């Protein structure tokens, strides 16, 4: 494998991950506004973040198995659609 192919492959993987992380990072600061708007307790706002963290923790092993079995392209295509559907 040539160096150019390695850099392109890594930039594709990290670029997609970075883009999805920006999306999650933009959503997290809106939680206090939603707590205030819907007049719910801060406890439930914190549960949103906790649920996201637990989901990320539990979703990592299956994502790794899918990546091992099908390569990186399939999870990179399926992941954003799952996030959008959720």
C-alpha atoms as a PDB file:
ATOM      1  CA  UNK A   1       0.000   0.000   0.000  1.00  0.00           C
ATOM      2  CA  UNK A   2       1.361   3.380  -0.964  1.00  0.00           C
ATOM      3  CA  UNK A   3       1.593   6.291   1.446  1.00  0.00           C
ATOM      4  CA  UNK A   4      -0.945   8.313  -0.555  1.00  0.00           C
ATOM      5  CA  UNK A   5      -3.515   5.536  -0.291  1.00  0.00           C
ATOM      6  CA  UNK A   6      -2.927   5.243   3.447  1.00  0.00           C
ATOM      7  CA  UNK A   7      -3.383   8.961   4.007  1.00  0.00           C
ATOM      8  CA  UNK A   8      -6.526   9.022   1.847  1.00  0.00           C
ATOM      9  CA  UNK A   9      -7.996   6.042   3.698  1.00  0.00           C
ATOM     10  CA  UNK A  10      -7.253   7.517   7.105  1.00  0.00           C
ATOM     11  CA  UNK A  11      -8.594  10.923   6.130  1.00  0.00           C
ATOM     12  CA  UNK A  12     -11.829   9.285   4.953  1.00  0.00           C
ATOM     13  CA  UNK A  13     -12.283   7.403   8.220  1.00  0.00           C
ATOM     14  CA  UNK A  14     -11.317  10.290  10.454  1.00  0.00           C
ATOM     15  CA  UNK A  15     -13.201  12.834   8.360  1.00  0.00           C
ATOM     16  CA  UNK A  16     -16.469  10.953   8.716  1.00  0.00           C
ATOM     17  CA  UNK A  17     -15.887  10.459  12.433  1.00  0.00           C
ATOM     18  CA  UNK A  18     -15.052  14.131  12.897  1.00  0.00           C
ATOM     19  CA  UNK A  19     -18.182  15.222  11.023  1.00  0.00           C
ATOM     20  CA  UNK A  20     -20.435  12.986  13.133  1.00  0.00           C
ATOM     21  CA  UNK A  21     -18.721  14.200  16.303  1.00  0.00           C
ATOM     22  CA  UNK A  22     -19.401  17.810  15.323  1.00  0.00           C
ATOM     23  CA  UNK A  23     -23.074  16.929  14.944  1.00  0.00           C
ATOM     24  CA  UNK A  24     -23.206  15.362  18.395  1.00  0.00           C
ATOM     25  CA  UNK A  25     -21.187  18.223  19.829  1.00  0.00           C
ATOM     26  CA  UNK A  26     -23.657  20.759  18.493  1.00  0.00           C
ATOM     27  CA  UNK A  27     -26.624  18.874  19.948  1.00  0.00           C
ATOM     28  CA  UNK A  28     -25.294  18.522  23.513  1.00  0.00           C
ATOM     29  CA  UNK A  29     -25.290  22.292  24.328  1.00  0.00           C
ATOM     30  CA  UNK A  30     -28.975  22.508  23.399  1.00  0.00           C
ATOM     31  CA  UNK A  31     -30.005  20.153  26.216  1.00  0.00           C
ATOM     32  CA  UNK A  32     -30.170  22.891  28.910  1.00  0.00           C
ATOM     33  CA  UNK A  33     -32.346  24.971  26.567  1.00  0.00           C
ATOM     34  CA  UNK A  34     -34.691  22.026  26.032  1.00  0.00           C
ATOM     35  CA  UNK A  35     -34.830  21.391  29.798  1.00  0.00           C
ATOM     36  CA  UNK A  36     -35.872  24.995  30.334  1.00  0.00           C
ATOM     37  CA  UNK A  37     -38.284  25.082  27.388  1.00  0.00           C
ATOM     38  CA  UNK A  38     -40.117  21.872  28.308  1.00  0.00           C
ATOM     39  CA  UNK A  39     -39.985  22.709  32.027  1.00  0.00           C
ATOM     40  CA  UNK A  40     -38.477  19.415  33.153  1.00  0.00           C
ATOM     41  CA  UNK A  41     -35.965  18.808  35.908  1.00  0.00           C
ATOM     42  CA  UNK A  42     -32.224  18.966  35.339  1.00  0.00           C
ATOM     43  CA  UNK A  43     -32.126  15.289  36.323  1.00  0.00           C
ATOM     44  CA  UNK A  44     -33.906  14.325  33.090  1.00  0.00           C
ATOM     45  CA  UNK A  45     -31.590  16.517  31.065  1.00  0.00           C
ATOM     46  CA  UNK A  46     -28.637  14.683  32.567  1.00  0.00           C
ATOM     47  CA  UNK A  47     -30.297  11.366  31.705  1.00  0.00           C
ATOM     48  CA  UNK A  48     -30.190  12.312  28.023  1.00  0.00           C
ATOM     49  CA  UNK A  49     -26.410  12.588  28.188  1.00  0.00           C
ATOM     50  CA  UNK A  50     -26.172   9.398  30.250  1.00  0.00           C
ATOM     51  CA  UNK A  51     -28.311   7.484  27.743  1.00  0.00           C
ATOM     52  CA  UNK A  52     -26.145   8.710  24.874  1.00  0.00           C
ATOM     53  CA  UNK A  53     -22.967   7.619  26.682  1.00  0.00           C
ATOM     54  CA  UNK A  54     -24.377   4.179  27.530  1.00  0.00           C
ATOM     55  CA  UNK A  55     -25.553   3.752  23.943  1.00  0.00           C
ATOM     56  CA  UNK A  56     -22.096   4.633  22.663  1.00  0.00           C
ATOM     57  CA  UNK A  57     -20.526   2.173  25.096  1.00  0.00           C
ATOM     58  CA  UNK A  58     -22.880  -0.672  24.192  1.00  0.00           C
ATOM     59  CA  UNK A  59     -22.767   0.076  20.476  1.00  0.00           C
ATOM     60  CA  UNK A  60     -18.995  -0.035  20.155  1.00  0.00           C
ATOM     61  CA  UNK A  61     -18.493  -3.850  20.235  1.00  0.00           C
ATOM     62  CA  UNK A  62     -21.134  -4.591  17.551  1.00  0.00           C
ATOM     63  CA  UNK A  63     -19.763  -1.762  15.417  1.00  0.00           C
ATOM     64  CA  UNK A  64     -16.289  -3.259  15.713  1.00  0.00           C
ATOM     65  CA  UNK A  65     -17.591  -6.693  14.708  1.00  0.00           C
ATOM     66  CA  UNK A  66     -19.376  -5.214  11.680  1.00  0.00           C
ATOM     67  CA  UNK A  67     -16.206  -3.357  10.717  1.00  0.00           C
ATOM     68  CA  UNK A  68     -14.115  -6.524  11.043  1.00  0.00           C
ATOM     69  CA  UNK A  69     -16.552  -8.522   8.957  1.00  0.00           C
ATOM     70  CA  UNK A  70     -17.471  -6.063   6.173  1.00  0.00           C
ATOM     71  CA  UNK A  71     -14.706  -3.439   6.258  1.00  0.00           C
ATOM     72  CA  UNK A  72     -15.009   0.224   7.154  1.00  0.00           C
ATOM     73  CA  UNK A  73     -17.239   1.270   4.273  1.00  0.00           C
ATOM     74  CA  UNK A  74     -20.431  -0.452   5.475  1.00  0.00           C
ATOM     75  CA  UNK A  75     -20.444   1.084   8.995  1.00  0.00           C
ATOM     76  CA  UNK A  76     -19.595   4.482   7.536  1.00  0.00           C
ATOM     77  CA  UNK A  77     -22.660   4.226   5.323  1.00  0.00           C
ATOM     78  CA  UNK A  78     -25.024   2.709   7.904  1.00  0.00           C
ATOM     79  CA  UNK A  79     -23.987   4.843  10.913  1.00  0.00           C
ATOM     80  CA  UNK A  80     -25.237   8.239   9.746  1.00  0.00           C
ATOM     81  CA  UNK A  81     -28.568   6.750   8.680  1.00  0.00           C
ATOM     82  CA  UNK A  82     -29.018   5.135  12.102  1.00  0.00           C
ATOM     83  CA  UNK A  83     -28.249   8.447  13.789  1.00  0.00           C
ATOM     84  CA  UNK A  84     -30.681  10.241  11.495  1.00  0.00           C
ATOM     85  CA  UNK A  85     -33.419   7.672  12.158  1.00  0.00           C
ATOM     86  CA  UNK A  86     -32.922   7.867  15.924  1.00  0.00           C
END
